[in-house]
PDB file of N, CA and C in Angstrom:
ATOM      1  N   MET A   1     231.295  14.730 -54.126  1.00  0.00           N
ATOM      2  CA  MET A   1     231.846  14.147 -55.335  1.00  0.00           C
ATOM      3  C   MET A   1     230.777  14.121 -56.426  1.00  0.00           C
ATOM      4  N   PRO A   2     231.174  14.408 -57.630  1.00  0.00           N
ATOM      5  CA  PRO A   2     230.226  14.270 -58.742  1.00  0.00           C
ATOM      6  C   PRO A   2     229.760  12.821 -58.873  1.00  0.00           C
ATOM      7  N   PHE A   3     228.564  12.639 -59.396  1.00  0.00           N
ATOM      8  CA  PHE A   3     227.936  11.324 -59.519  1.00  0.00           C
ATOM      9  C   PHE A   3     228.874  10.279 -60.122  1.00  0.00           C
ATOM     10  N   GLY A   4     229.576  10.627 -61.174  1.00  0.00           N
ATOM     11  CA  GLY A   4     230.437   9.677 -61.864  1.00  0.00           C
ATOM     12  C   GLY A   4     231.682   9.274 -61.116  1.00  0.00           C
ATOM     13  N   THR A   5     231.992   9.953 -60.019  1.00  0.00           N
ATOM     14  CA  THR A   5     233.213   9.636 -59.269  1.00  0.00           C
ATOM     15  C   THR A   5     232.935   9.035 -57.899  1.00  0.00           C
ATOM     16  N   VAL A   6     231.670   8.805 -57.565  1.00  0.00           N
ATOM     17  CA  VAL A   6     231.327   8.218 -56.263  1.00  0.00           C
ATOM     18  C   VAL A   6     231.868   6.790 -56.201  1.00  0.00           C
ATOM     19  N   THR A   7     232.482   6.470 -55.087  1.00  0.00           N
ATOM     20  CA  THR A   7     232.990   5.113 -54.869  1.00  0.00           C
ATOM     21  C   THR A   7     232.199   4.458 -53.742  1.00  0.00           C
ATOM     22  N   ALA A   8     232.341   3.158 -53.635  1.00  0.00           N
ATOM     23  CA  ALA A   8     231.683   2.454 -52.533  1.00  0.00           C
ATOM     24  C   ALA A   8     232.168   2.989 -51.191  1.00  0.00           C
ATOM     25  N   GLU A   9     233.445   3.335 -51.129  1.00  0.00           N
ATOM     26  CA  GLU A   9     234.018   3.846 -49.883  1.00  0.00           C
ATOM     27  C   GLU A   9     233.474   5.226 -49.540  1.00  0.00           C
ATOM     28  N   SER A  10     233.384   6.115 -50.531  1.00  0.00           N
ATOM     29  CA  SER A  10     232.875   7.467 -50.251  1.00  0.00           C
ATOM     30  C   SER A  10     231.393   7.424 -49.901  1.00  0.00           C
ATOM     31  N   PHE A  11     230.647   6.545 -50.574  1.00  0.00           N
ATOM     32  CA  PHE A  11     229.238   6.368 -50.256  1.00  0.00           C
ATOM     33  C   PHE A  11     229.077   5.880 -48.815  1.00  0.00           C
ATOM     34  N   ALA A  12     229.826   4.840 -48.467  1.00  0.00           N
ATOM     35  CA  ALA A  12     229.735   4.272 -47.117  1.00  0.00           C
ATOM     36  C   ALA A  12     230.125   5.293 -46.057  1.00  0.00           C
ATOM     37  N   ALA A  13     231.165   6.070 -46.312  1.00  0.00           N
ATOM     38  CA  ALA A  13     231.602   7.063 -45.337  1.00  0.00           C
ATOM     39  C   ALA A  13     230.502   8.084 -45.058  1.00  0.00           C
ATOM     40  N   THR A  14     229.855   8.570 -46.101  1.00  0.00           N
ATOM     41  CA  THR A  14     228.793   9.561 -45.930  1.00  0.00           C
ATOM     42  C   THR A  14     227.579   8.962 -45.253  1.00  0.00           C
ATOM     43  N   PHE A  15     227.130   7.810 -45.711  1.00  0.00           N
ATOM     44  CA  PHE A  15     225.940   7.189 -45.127  1.00  0.00           C
ATOM     45  C   PHE A  15     226.194   6.656 -43.721  1.00  0.00           C
ATOM     46  N   ASN A  16     227.414   6.222 -43.427  1.00  0.00           N
ATOM     47  CA  ASN A  16     227.713   5.760 -42.076  1.00  0.00           C
ATOM     48  C   ASN A  16     227.590   6.883 -41.059  1.00  0.00           C
ATOM     49  N   VAL A  17     228.044   8.068 -41.411  1.00  0.00           N
ATOM     50  CA  VAL A  17     227.952   9.201 -40.492  1.00  0.00           C
ATOM     51  C   VAL A  17     226.530   9.760 -40.455  1.00  0.00           C
ATOM     52  N   ASN A  18     226.001  10.130 -41.604  1.00  0.00           N
ATOM     53  CA  ASN A  18     224.738  10.860 -41.643  1.00  0.00           C
ATOM     54  C   ASN A  18     223.510   9.990 -41.405  1.00  0.00           C
ATOM     55  N   VAL A  19     223.497   8.766 -41.861  1.00  0.00           N
ATOM     56  CA  VAL A  19     222.296   7.933 -41.781  1.00  0.00           C
ATOM     57  C   VAL A  19     222.445   6.863 -40.693  1.00  0.00           C
ATOM     58  N   ARG A  20     223.413   6.017 -40.842  1.00  0.00           N
ATOM     59  CA  ARG A  20     223.594   4.937 -39.871  1.00  0.00           C
ATOM     60  C   ARG A  20     223.853   5.490 -38.470  1.00  0.00           C
ATOM     61  N   GLY A  21     224.752   6.458 -38.367  1.00  0.00           N
ATOM     62  CA  GLY A  21     225.065   7.049 -37.065  1.00  0.00           C
ATOM     63  C   GLY A  21     223.843   7.677 -36.418  1.00  0.00           C
ATOM     64  N   THR A  22     223.049   8.384 -37.207  1.00  0.00           N
ATOM     65  CA  THR A  22     221.841   9.020 -36.674  1.00  0.00           C
ATOM     66  C   THR A  22     220.845   7.972 -36.197  1.00  0.00           C
ATOM     67  N   LEU A  23     220.614   6.959 -37.005  1.00  0.00           N
ATOM     68  CA  LEU A  23     219.655   5.909 -36.642  1.00  0.00           C
ATOM     69  C   LEU A  23     220.004   5.269 -35.308  1.00  0.00           C
ATOM     70  N   PHE A  24     221.229   4.807 -35.164  1.00  0.00           N
ATOM     71  CA  PHE A  24     221.591   4.069 -33.957  1.00  0.00           C
ATOM     72  C   PHE A  24     221.766   4.984 -32.743  1.00  0.00           C
ATOM     73  N   MET A  25     222.164   6.221 -32.955  1.00  0.00           N
ATOM     74  CA  MET A  25     222.261   7.160 -31.848  1.00  0.00           C
ATOM     75  C   MET A  25     220.872   7.468 -31.290  1.00  0.00           C
ATOM     76  N   VAL A  26     219.905   7.753 -32.169  1.00  0.00           N
ATOM     77  CA  VAL A  26     218.546   8.039 -31.710  1.00  0.00           C
ATOM     78  C   VAL A  26     217.928   6.796 -31.079  1.00  0.00           C
ATOM     79  N   GLN A  27     218.171   5.655 -31.659  1.00  0.00           N
ATOM     80  CA  GLN A  27     217.645   4.407 -31.102  1.00  0.00           C
ATOM     81  C   GLN A  27     218.115   4.215 -29.654  1.00  0.00           C
ATOM     82  N   LYS A  28     219.384   4.442 -29.399  1.00  0.00           N
ATOM     83  CA  LYS A  28     219.915   4.313 -28.032  1.00  0.00           C
ATOM     84  C   LYS A  28     219.384   5.416 -27.124  1.00  0.00           C
ATOM     85  N   ALA A  29     219.212   6.619 -27.660  1.00  0.00           N
ATOM     86  CA  ALA A  29     218.752   7.756 -26.858  1.00  0.00           C
ATOM     87  C   ALA A  29     217.301   7.611 -26.417  1.00  0.00           C
ATOM     88  N   LEU A  30     216.506   6.841 -27.132  1.00  0.00           N
ATOM     89  CA  LEU A  30     215.085   6.691 -26.802  1.00  0.00           C
ATOM     90  C   LEU A  30     214.866   6.238 -25.358  1.00  0.00           C
ATOM     91  N   ALA A  31     215.747   5.425 -24.859  1.00  0.00           N
ATOM     92  CA  ALA A  31     215.613   4.939 -23.486  1.00  0.00           C
ATOM     93  C   ALA A  31     215.720   6.076 -22.466  1.00  0.00           C
ATOM     94  N   PHE A  32     216.347   7.179 -22.859  1.00  0.00           N
ATOM     95  CA  PHE A  32     216.559   8.294 -21.945  1.00  0.00           C
ATOM     96  C   PHE A  32     215.565   9.443 -22.159  1.00  0.00           C
ATOM     97  N   LEU A  33     214.767   9.357 -23.205  1.00  0.00           N
ATOM     98  CA  LEU A  33     213.835  10.438 -23.522  1.00  0.00           C
ATOM     99  C   LEU A  33     212.502  10.235 -22.811  1.00  0.00           C
ATOM    100  N   ARG A  34     211.999  11.318 -22.261  1.00  0.00           N
ATOM    101  CA  ARG A  34     210.677  11.300 -21.635  1.00  0.00           C
ATOM    102  C   ARG A  34     209.612  11.395 -22.708  1.00  0.00           C
ATOM    103  N   ASP A  35     208.397  11.025 -22.354  1.00  0.00           N
ATOM    104  CA  ASP A  35     207.271  11.272 -23.246  1.00  0.00           C
ATOM    105  C   ASP A  35     207.173  12.770 -23.504  1.00  0.00           C
ATOM    106  N   HIS A  36     206.713  13.142 -24.672  1.00  0.00           N
ATOM    107  CA  HIS A  36     206.578  14.540 -25.117  1.00  0.00           C
ATOM    108  C   HIS A  36     207.933  15.180 -25.432  1.00  0.00           C
ATOM    109  N   ALA A  37     208.981  14.385 -25.548  1.00  0.00           N
ATOM    110  CA  ALA A  37     210.302  14.926 -25.888  1.00  0.00           C
ATOM    111  C   ALA A  37     210.341  15.317 -27.365  1.00  0.00           C
ATOM    112  N   SER A  38     211.420  15.954 -27.750  1.00  0.00           N
ATOM    113  CA  SER A  38     211.647  16.324 -29.148  1.00  0.00           C
ATOM    114  C   SER A  38     212.971  15.753 -29.613  1.00  0.00           C
ATOM    115  N   ILE A  39     212.987  15.278 -30.838  1.00  0.00           N
ATOM    116  CA  ILE A  39     214.215  14.831 -31.499  1.00  0.00           C
ATOM    117  C   ILE A  39     214.419  15.773 -32.673  1.00  0.00           C
ATOM    118  N   ILE A  40     215.553  16.421 -32.714  1.00  0.00           N
ATOM    119  CA  ILE A  40     215.867  17.357 -33.791  1.00  0.00           C
ATOM    120  C   ILE A  40     217.043  16.796 -34.577  1.00  0.00           C
ATOM    121  N   LEU A  41     216.813  16.501 -35.848  1.00  0.00           N
ATOM    122  CA  LEU A  41     217.861  15.976 -36.716  1.00  0.00           C
ATOM    123  C   LEU A  41     218.490  17.127 -37.496  1.00  0.00           C
ATOM    124  N   ASN A  42     219.754  16.987 -37.826  1.00  0.00           N
ATOM    125  CA  ASN A  42     220.484  18.031 -38.536  1.00  0.00           C
ATOM    126  C   ASN A  42     220.429  17.782 -40.036  1.00  0.00           C
ATOM    127  N   GLY A  43     219.586  18.535 -40.724  1.00  0.00           N
ATOM    128  CA  GLY A  43     219.495  18.454 -42.179  1.00  0.00           C
ATOM    129  C   GLY A  43     220.463  19.429 -42.812  1.00  0.00           C
ATOM    130  N   ALA A  44     220.176  19.803 -44.043  1.00  0.00           N
ATOM    131  CA  ALA A  44     221.036  20.763 -44.735  1.00  0.00           C
ATOM    132  C   ALA A  44     220.222  21.489 -45.794  1.00  0.00           C
ATOM    133  N   GLU A  45     220.080  22.774 -45.637  1.00  0.00           N
ATOM    134  CA  GLU A  45     219.367  23.593 -46.612  1.00  0.00           C
ATOM    135  C   GLU A  45     220.089  23.522 -47.951  1.00  0.00           C
ATOM    136  N   GLY A  46     219.350  23.315 -48.991  1.00  0.00           N
ATOM    137  CA  GLY A  46     219.928  23.321 -50.323  1.00  0.00           C
ATOM    138  C   GLY A  46     220.393  21.963 -50.820  1.00  0.00           C
ATOM    139  N   SER A  47     220.502  20.978 -49.941  1.00  0.00           N
ATOM    140  CA  SER A  47     221.000  19.690 -50.420  1.00  0.00           C
ATOM    141  C   SER A  47     219.903  18.812 -50.989  1.00  0.00           C
ATOM    142  N   GLY A  48     218.668  19.080 -50.626  1.00  0.00           N
ATOM    143  CA  GLY A  48     217.610  18.179 -51.016  1.00  0.00           C
ATOM    144  C   GLY A  48     216.922  18.481 -52.330  1.00  0.00           C
ATOM    145  N   GLY A  49     216.538  19.713 -52.560  1.00  0.00           N
ATOM    146  CA  GLY A  49     215.684  19.993 -53.691  1.00  0.00           C
ATOM    147  C   GLY A  49     216.336  20.561 -54.926  1.00  0.00           C
ATOM    148  N   ARG A  50     217.548  20.994 -54.840  1.00  0.00           N
ATOM    149  CA  ARG A  50     218.150  21.719 -55.962  1.00  0.00           C
ATOM    150  C   ARG A  50     218.914  20.846 -56.935  1.00  0.00           C
ATOM    151  N   GLY A  51     219.310  19.687 -56.531  1.00  0.00           N
ATOM    152  CA  GLY A  51     219.960  18.760 -57.441  1.00  0.00           C
ATOM    153  C   GLY A  51     221.361  19.139 -57.875  1.00  0.00           C
ATOM    154  N   PHE A  52     222.194  19.610 -56.955  1.00  0.00           N
ATOM    155  CA  PHE A  52     223.571  19.941 -57.311  1.00  0.00           C
ATOM    156  C   PHE A  52     224.326  18.655 -57.641  1.00  0.00           C
ATOM    157  N   PRO A  53     225.002  18.576 -58.765  1.00  0.00           N
ATOM    158  CA  PRO A  53     225.638  17.322 -59.185  1.00  0.00           C
ATOM    159  C   PRO A  53     226.836  16.907 -58.334  1.00  0.00           C
ATOM    160  N   THR A  54     227.388  17.818 -57.558  1.00  0.00           N
ATOM    161  CA  THR A  54     228.576  17.465 -56.771  1.00  0.00           C
ATOM    162  C   THR A  54     228.241  16.948 -55.375  1.00  0.00           C
ATOM    163  N   ILE A  55     226.960  16.925 -55.007  1.00  0.00           N
ATOM    164  CA  ILE A  55     226.609  16.460 -53.660  1.00  0.00           C
ATOM    165  C   ILE A  55     225.554  15.362 -53.708  1.00  0.00           C
ATOM    166  N   THR A  56     225.621  14.521 -54.715  1.00  0.00           N
ATOM    167  CA  THR A  56     224.602  13.503 -54.921  1.00  0.00           C
ATOM    168  C   THR A  56     224.426  12.572 -53.725  1.00  0.00           C
ATOM    169  N   VAL A  57     225.491  12.060 -53.169  1.00  0.00           N
ATOM    170  CA  VAL A  57     225.394  11.124 -52.041  1.00  0.00           C
ATOM    171  C   VAL A  57     225.046  11.876 -50.760  1.00  0.00           C
ATOM    172  N   TYR A  58     225.657  13.031 -50.556  1.00  0.00           N
ATOM    173  CA  TYR A  58     225.353  13.843 -49.376  1.00  0.00           C
ATOM    174  C   TYR A  58     223.873  14.218 -49.362  1.00  0.00           C
ATOM    175  N   ALA A  59     223.331  14.659 -50.490  1.00  0.00           N
ATOM    176  CA  ALA A  59     221.918  15.025 -50.574  1.00  0.00           C
ATOM    177  C   ALA A  59     221.031  13.822 -50.288  1.00  0.00           C
ATOM    178  N   ALA A  60     221.408  12.658 -50.784  1.00  0.00           N
ATOM    179  CA  ALA A  60     220.626  11.448 -50.519  1.00  0.00           C
ATOM    180  C   ALA A  60     220.645  11.104 -49.031  1.00  0.00           C
ATOM    181  N   SER A  61     221.771  11.313 -48.378  1.00  0.00           N
ATOM    182  CA  SER A  61     221.848  11.011 -46.945  1.00  0.00           C
ATOM    183  C   SER A  61     220.968  11.965 -46.145  1.00  0.00           C
ATOM    184  N   LYS A  62     220.893  13.213 -46.557  1.00  0.00           N
ATOM    185  CA  LYS A  62     220.029  14.175 -45.871  1.00  0.00           C
ATOM    186  C   LYS A  62     218.556  13.900 -46.169  1.00  0.00           C
ATOM    187  N   ALA A  63     218.258  13.395 -47.352  1.00  0.00           N
ATOM    188  CA  ALA A  63     216.888  12.979 -47.668  1.00  0.00           C
ATOM    189  C   ALA A  63     216.474  11.814 -46.777  1.00  0.00           C
ATOM    190  N   ALA A  64     217.412  10.935 -46.475  1.00  0.00           N
ATOM    191  CA  ALA A  64     217.120   9.823 -45.572  1.00  0.00           C
ATOM    192  C   ALA A  64     216.742  10.344 -44.190  1.00  0.00           C
ATOM    193  N   LEU A  65     217.384  11.422 -43.748  1.00  0.00           N
ATOM    194  CA  LEU A  65     217.038  11.990 -42.445  1.00  0.00           C
ATOM    195  C   LEU A  65     215.623  12.558 -42.452  1.00  0.00           C
ATOM    196  N   ARG A  66     215.236  13.189 -43.557  1.00  0.00           N
ATOM    197  CA  ARG A  66     213.863  13.692 -43.650  1.00  0.00           C
ATOM    198  C   ARG A  66     212.870  12.533 -43.603  1.00  0.00           C
ATOM    199  N   SER A  67     213.222  11.424 -44.215  1.00  0.00           N
ATOM    200  CA  SER A  67     212.377  10.235 -44.154  1.00  0.00           C
ATOM    201  C   SER A  67     212.313   9.686 -42.732  1.00  0.00           C
ATOM    202  N   PHE A  68     213.445   9.661 -42.031  1.00  0.00           N
ATOM    203  CA  PHE A  68     213.452   9.235 -40.633  1.00  0.00           C
ATOM    204  C   PHE A  68     212.470  10.086 -39.826  1.00  0.00           C
ATOM    205  N   ALA A  69     212.516  11.388 -40.011  1.00  0.00           N
ATOM    206  CA  ALA A  69     211.634  12.279 -39.243  1.00  0.00           C
ATOM    207  C   ALA A  69     210.168  11.914 -39.459  1.00  0.00           C
ATOM    208  N   ARG A  70     209.793  11.656 -40.687  1.00  0.00           N
ATOM    209  CA  ARG A  70     208.396  11.302 -40.973  1.00  0.00           C
ATOM    210  C   ARG A  70     208.017   9.952 -40.370  1.00  0.00           C
ATOM    211  N   THR A  71     208.861   8.957 -40.566  1.00  0.00           N
ATOM    212  CA  THR A  71     208.508   7.621 -40.082  1.00  0.00           C
ATOM    213  C   THR A  71     208.635   7.506 -38.571  1.00  0.00           C
ATOM    214  N   TRP A  72     209.636   8.147 -37.978  1.00  0.00           N
ATOM    215  CA  TRP A  72     209.782   8.092 -36.531  1.00  0.00           C
ATOM    216  C   TRP A  72     208.650   8.835 -35.833  1.00  0.00           C
ATOM    217  N   THR A  73     208.157   9.901 -36.440  1.00  0.00           N
ATOM    218  CA  THR A  73     207.018  10.612 -35.856  1.00  0.00           C
ATOM    219  C   THR A  73     205.840   9.660 -35.705  1.00  0.00           C
ATOM    220  N   SER A  74     205.597   8.855 -36.719  1.00  0.00           N
ATOM    221  CA  SER A  74     204.524   7.853 -36.629  1.00  0.00           C
ATOM    222  C   SER A  74     204.856   6.771 -35.613  1.00  0.00           C
ATOM    223  N   ALA A  75     206.094   6.306 -35.635  1.00  0.00           N
ATOM    224  CA  ALA A  75     206.492   5.220 -34.739  1.00  0.00           C
ATOM    225  C   ALA A  75     206.466   5.642 -33.269  1.00  0.00           C
ATOM    226  N   LEU A  76     206.679   6.917 -33.005  1.00  0.00           N
ATOM    227  CA  LEU A  76     206.781   7.406 -31.628  1.00  0.00           C
ATOM    228  C   LEU A  76     205.536   8.161 -31.165  1.00  0.00           C
ATOM    229  N   GLN A  77     204.463   8.092 -31.938  1.00  0.00           N
ATOM    230  CA  GLN A  77     203.270   8.862 -31.597  1.00  0.00           C
ATOM    231  C   GLN A  77     202.658   8.441 -30.256  1.00  0.00           C
ATOM    232  N   ASP A  78     202.782   7.191 -29.869  1.00  0.00           N
ATOM    233  CA  ASP A  78     202.249   6.760 -28.570  1.00  0.00           C
ATOM    234  C   ASP A  78     202.941   7.476 -27.409  1.00  0.00           C
ATOM    235  N   ARG A  79     204.217   7.803 -27.594  1.00  0.00           N
ATOM    236  CA  ARG A  79     204.969   8.527 -26.559  1.00  0.00           C
ATOM    237  C   ARG A  79     204.908  10.033 -26.773  1.00  0.00           C
ATOM    238  N   LYS A  80     204.242  10.443 -27.830  1.00  0.00           N
ATOM    239  CA  LYS A  80     204.108  11.861 -28.177  1.00  0.00           C
ATOM    240  C   LYS A  80     205.478  12.543 -28.317  1.00  0.00           C
ATOM    241  N   ILE A  81     206.424  11.797 -28.899  1.00  0.00           N
ATOM    242  CA  ILE A  81     207.748  12.345 -29.177  1.00  0.00           C
ATOM    243  C   ILE A  81     207.717  12.936 -30.575  1.00  0.00           C
ATOM    244  N   ARG A  82     208.106  14.182 -30.665  1.00  0.00           N
ATOM    245  CA  ARG A  82     208.101  14.927 -31.915  1.00  0.00           C
ATOM    246  C   ARG A  82     209.473  14.802 -32.566  1.00  0.00           C
ATOM    247  N   VAL A  83     209.502  14.650 -33.891  1.00  0.00           N
ATOM    248  CA  VAL A  83     210.759  14.542 -34.634  1.00  0.00           C
ATOM    249  C   VAL A  83     210.749  15.584 -35.746  1.00  0.00           C
ATOM    250  N   ASN A  84     211.772  16.432 -35.769  1.00  0.00           N
ATOM    251  CA  ASN A  84     211.896  17.468 -36.785  1.00  0.00           C
ATOM    252  C   ASN A  84     213.295  17.439 -37.379  1.00  0.00           C
ATOM    253  N   VAL A  85     213.409  18.048 -38.545  1.00  0.00           N
ATOM    254  CA  VAL A  85     214.710  18.221 -39.188  1.00  0.00           C
ATOM    255  C   VAL A  85     214.991  19.714 -39.268  1.00  0.00           C
ATOM    256  N   LEU A  86     216.130  20.127 -38.748  1.00  0.00           N
ATOM    257  CA  LEU A  86     216.572  21.514 -38.819  1.00  0.00           C
ATOM    258  C   LEU A  86     217.465  21.646 -40.043  1.00  0.00           C
ATOM    259  N   ASN A  87     217.053  22.469 -40.992  1.00  0.00           N
ATOM    260  CA  ASN A  87     217.830  22.669 -42.217  1.00  0.00           C
ATOM    261  C   ASN A  87     218.611  23.972 -42.113  1.00  0.00           C
ATOM    262  N   SER A  88     219.861  23.851 -41.732  1.00  0.00           N
ATOM    263  CA  SER A  88     220.700  25.032 -41.561  1.00  0.00           C
ATOM    264  C   SER A  88     221.311  25.466 -42.890  1.00  0.00           C
ATOM    265  N   ARG A  89     221.778  26.657 -42.922  1.00  0.00           N
ATOM    266  CA  ARG A  89     222.479  27.186 -44.102  1.00  0.00           C
ATOM    267  C   ARG A  89     223.975  26.945 -43.926  1.00  0.00           C
ATOM    268  N   GLY A  90     224.763  27.525 -44.822  1.00  0.00           N
ATOM    269  CA  GLY A  90     226.194  27.275 -44.851  1.00  0.00           C
ATOM    270  C   GLY A  90     226.906  27.553 -43.541  1.00  0.00           C
ATOM    271  N   ILE A  91     227.661  26.579 -43.102  1.00  0.00           N
ATOM    272  CA  ILE A  91     228.496  26.694 -41.919  1.00  0.00           C
ATOM    273  C   ILE A  91     229.882  26.198 -42.316  1.00  0.00           C
ATOM    274  N   ALA A  92     230.889  26.933 -41.951  1.00  0.00           N
ATOM    275  CA  ALA A  92     232.252  26.565 -42.327  1.00  0.00           C
ATOM    276  C   ALA A  92     232.658  25.249 -41.687  1.00  0.00           C
ATOM    277  N   THR A  93     233.076  24.307 -42.521  1.00  0.00           N
ATOM    278  CA  THR A  93     233.602  23.028 -42.043  1.00  0.00           C
ATOM    279  C   THR A  93     234.800  22.652 -42.903  1.00  0.00           C
ATOM    280  N   ALA A  94     235.523  21.651 -42.463  1.00  0.00           N
ATOM    281  CA  ALA A  94     236.684  21.188 -43.232  1.00  0.00           C
ATOM    282  C   ALA A  94     236.262  20.643 -44.591  1.00  0.00           C
ATOM    283  N   ALA A  95     235.014  20.197 -44.714  1.00  0.00           N
ATOM    284  CA  ALA A  95     234.533  19.651 -45.990  1.00  0.00           C
ATOM    285  C   ALA A  95     234.571  20.705 -47.099  1.00  0.00           C
ATOM    286  N   GLN A  96     234.465  21.969 -46.744  1.00  0.00           N
ATOM    287  CA  GLN A  96     234.503  23.015 -47.769  1.00  0.00           C
ATOM    288  C   GLN A  96     235.856  23.098 -48.450  1.00  0.00           C
ATOM    289  N   ASP A  97     236.890  22.615 -47.808  1.00  0.00           N
ATOM    290  CA  ASP A  97     238.212  22.605 -48.429  1.00  0.00           C
ATOM    291  C   ASP A  97     238.257  21.654 -49.623  1.00  0.00           C
ATOM    292  N   LEU A  98     237.300  20.735 -49.687  1.00  0.00           N
ATOM    293  CA  LEU A  98     237.253  19.751 -50.771  1.00  0.00           C
ATOM    294  C   LEU A  98     236.438  20.229 -51.968  1.00  0.00           C
ATOM    295  N   LEU A  99     235.800  21.384 -51.836  1.00  0.00           N
ATOM    296  CA  LEU A  99     234.954  21.896 -52.911  1.00  0.00           C
ATOM    297  C   LEU A  99     235.792  22.378 -54.093  1.00  0.00           C
ATOM    298  N   PRO A 100     235.252  22.274 -55.298  1.00  0.00           N
ATOM    299  CA  PRO A 100     235.967  22.791 -56.461  1.00  0.00           C
ATOM    300  C   PRO A 100     236.051  24.322 -56.409  1.00  0.00           C
ATOM    301  N   PRO A 101     237.002  24.905 -57.117  1.00  0.00           N
ATOM    302  CA  PRO A 101     237.149  26.360 -57.123  1.00  0.00           C
ATOM    303  C   PRO A 101     235.836  27.041 -57.533  1.00  0.00           C
ATOM    304  N   GLY A 102     235.517  28.110 -56.851  1.00  0.00           N
ATOM    305  CA  GLY A 102     234.303  28.852 -57.164  1.00  0.00           C
ATOM    306  C   GLY A 102     233.065  28.372 -56.435  1.00  0.00           C
ATOM    307  N   ALA A 103     233.128  27.182 -55.861  1.00  0.00           N
ATOM    308  CA  ALA A 103     231.952  26.635 -55.185  1.00  0.00           C
ATOM    309  C   ALA A 103     231.601  27.434 -53.935  1.00  0.00           C
ATOM    310  N   ARG A 104     232.608  27.879 -53.230  1.00  0.00           N
ATOM    311  CA  ARG A 104     232.355  28.677 -52.011  1.00  0.00           C
ATOM    312  C   ARG A 104     231.660  29.991 -52.357  1.00  0.00           C
ATOM    313  N   ARG A 105     232.107  30.649 -53.429  1.00  0.00           N
ATOM    314  CA  ARG A 105     231.449  31.890 -53.875  1.00  0.00           C
ATOM    315  C   ARG A 105     230.001  31.610 -54.267  1.00  0.00           C
ATOM    316  N   PHE A 106     229.784  30.489 -54.944  1.00  0.00           N
ATOM    317  CA  PHE A 106     228.433  30.101 -55.336  1.00  0.00           C
ATOM    318  C   PHE A 106     227.551  29.903 -54.097  1.00  0.00           C
ATOM    319  N   MET A 107     228.096  29.244 -53.086  1.00  0.00           N
ATOM    320  CA  MET A 107     227.342  29.004 -51.859  1.00  0.00           C
ATOM    321  C   MET A 107     227.023  30.319 -51.150  1.00  0.00           C
ATOM    322  N   LEU A 108     227.956  31.245 -51.171  1.00  0.00           N
ATOM    323  CA  LEU A 108     227.725  32.542 -50.530  1.00  0.00           C
ATOM    324  C   LEU A 108     226.548  33.276 -51.151  1.00  0.00           C
ATOM    325  N   LYS A 109     226.339  33.105 -52.441  1.00  0.00           N
ATOM    326  CA  LYS A 109     225.227  33.767 -53.119  1.00  0.00           C
ATOM    327  C   LYS A 109     223.879  33.250 -52.623  1.00  0.00           C
ATOM    328  N   MET A 110     223.844  32.060 -52.065  1.00  0.00           N
ATOM    329  CA  MET A 110     222.588  31.477 -51.600  1.00  0.00           C
ATOM    330  C   MET A 110     222.250  31.867 -50.164  1.00  0.00           C
ATOM    331  N   VAL A 111     223.170  32.532 -49.461  1.00  0.00           N
ATOM    332  CA  VAL A 111     222.947  32.895 -48.066  1.00  0.00           C
ATOM    333  C   VAL A 111     222.108  34.175 -48.011  1.00  0.00           C
ATOM    334  N   PRO A 112     220.962  34.130 -47.356  1.00  0.00           N
ATOM    335  CA  PRO A 112     220.140  35.335 -47.264  1.00  0.00           C
ATOM    336  C   PRO A 112     220.887  36.473 -46.563  1.00  0.00           C
ATOM    337  N   TYR A 113     220.678  37.650 -47.041  1.00  0.00           N
ATOM    338  CA  TYR A 113     221.264  38.860 -46.463  1.00  0.00           C
ATOM    339  C   TYR A 113     222.777  38.885 -46.510  1.00  0.00           C
ATOM    340  N   GLY A 114     223.378  37.952 -47.207  1.00  0.00           N
ATOM    341  CA  GLY A 114     224.831  37.951 -47.347  1.00  0.00           C
ATOM    342  C   GLY A 114     225.584  37.763 -46.061  1.00  0.00           C
ATOM    343  N   LYS A 115     224.998  37.068 -45.087  1.00  0.00           N
ATOM    344  CA  LYS A 115     225.633  36.882 -43.799  1.00  0.00           C
ATOM    345  C   LYS A 115     225.907  35.405 -43.536  1.00  0.00           C
ATOM    346  N   PRO A 116     226.971  34.850 -44.110  1.00  0.00           N
ATOM    347  CA  PRO A 116     227.275  33.437 -43.851  1.00  0.00           C
ATOM    348  C   PRO A 116     227.793  33.255 -42.433  1.00  0.00           C
ATOM    349  N   ARG A 117     227.847  32.030 -42.014  1.00  0.00           N
ATOM    350  CA  ARG A 117     228.376  31.709 -40.669  1.00  0.00           C
ATOM    351  C   ARG A 117     229.838  31.309 -40.746  1.00  0.00           C
ATOM    352  N   TRP A 118     230.548  31.819 -41.717  1.00  0.00           N
ATOM    353  CA  TRP A 118     231.983  31.545 -41.770  1.00  0.00           C
ATOM    354  C   TRP A 118     232.737  32.798 -42.045  1.00  0.00           C
TER     355      TRP A 118
END
């Protein structure tokens, strides 16, 4: 959603899945992880640095994951658990149906070698 149309509900929905869900899932998983384990968070290529006006909340939620990776790496250093963020490129999801006309073509232009995963 463009910045001017974000609602409390749309903000909460995005942050509940991407940020809150990740935090509490990893927190619970820690009990099952061995020392020297790896935690890989799902980021999103293009959402963080380019400043697209239609993904303001989504980009902020992915920035929160990058922050988690940095802070959790410090917090888990005694257990030598590594935390990384995997920034994937475009993958077809139902969310793309919500994009404005032309957005899909625009996204295709950003895929290296013209080989999207959809």
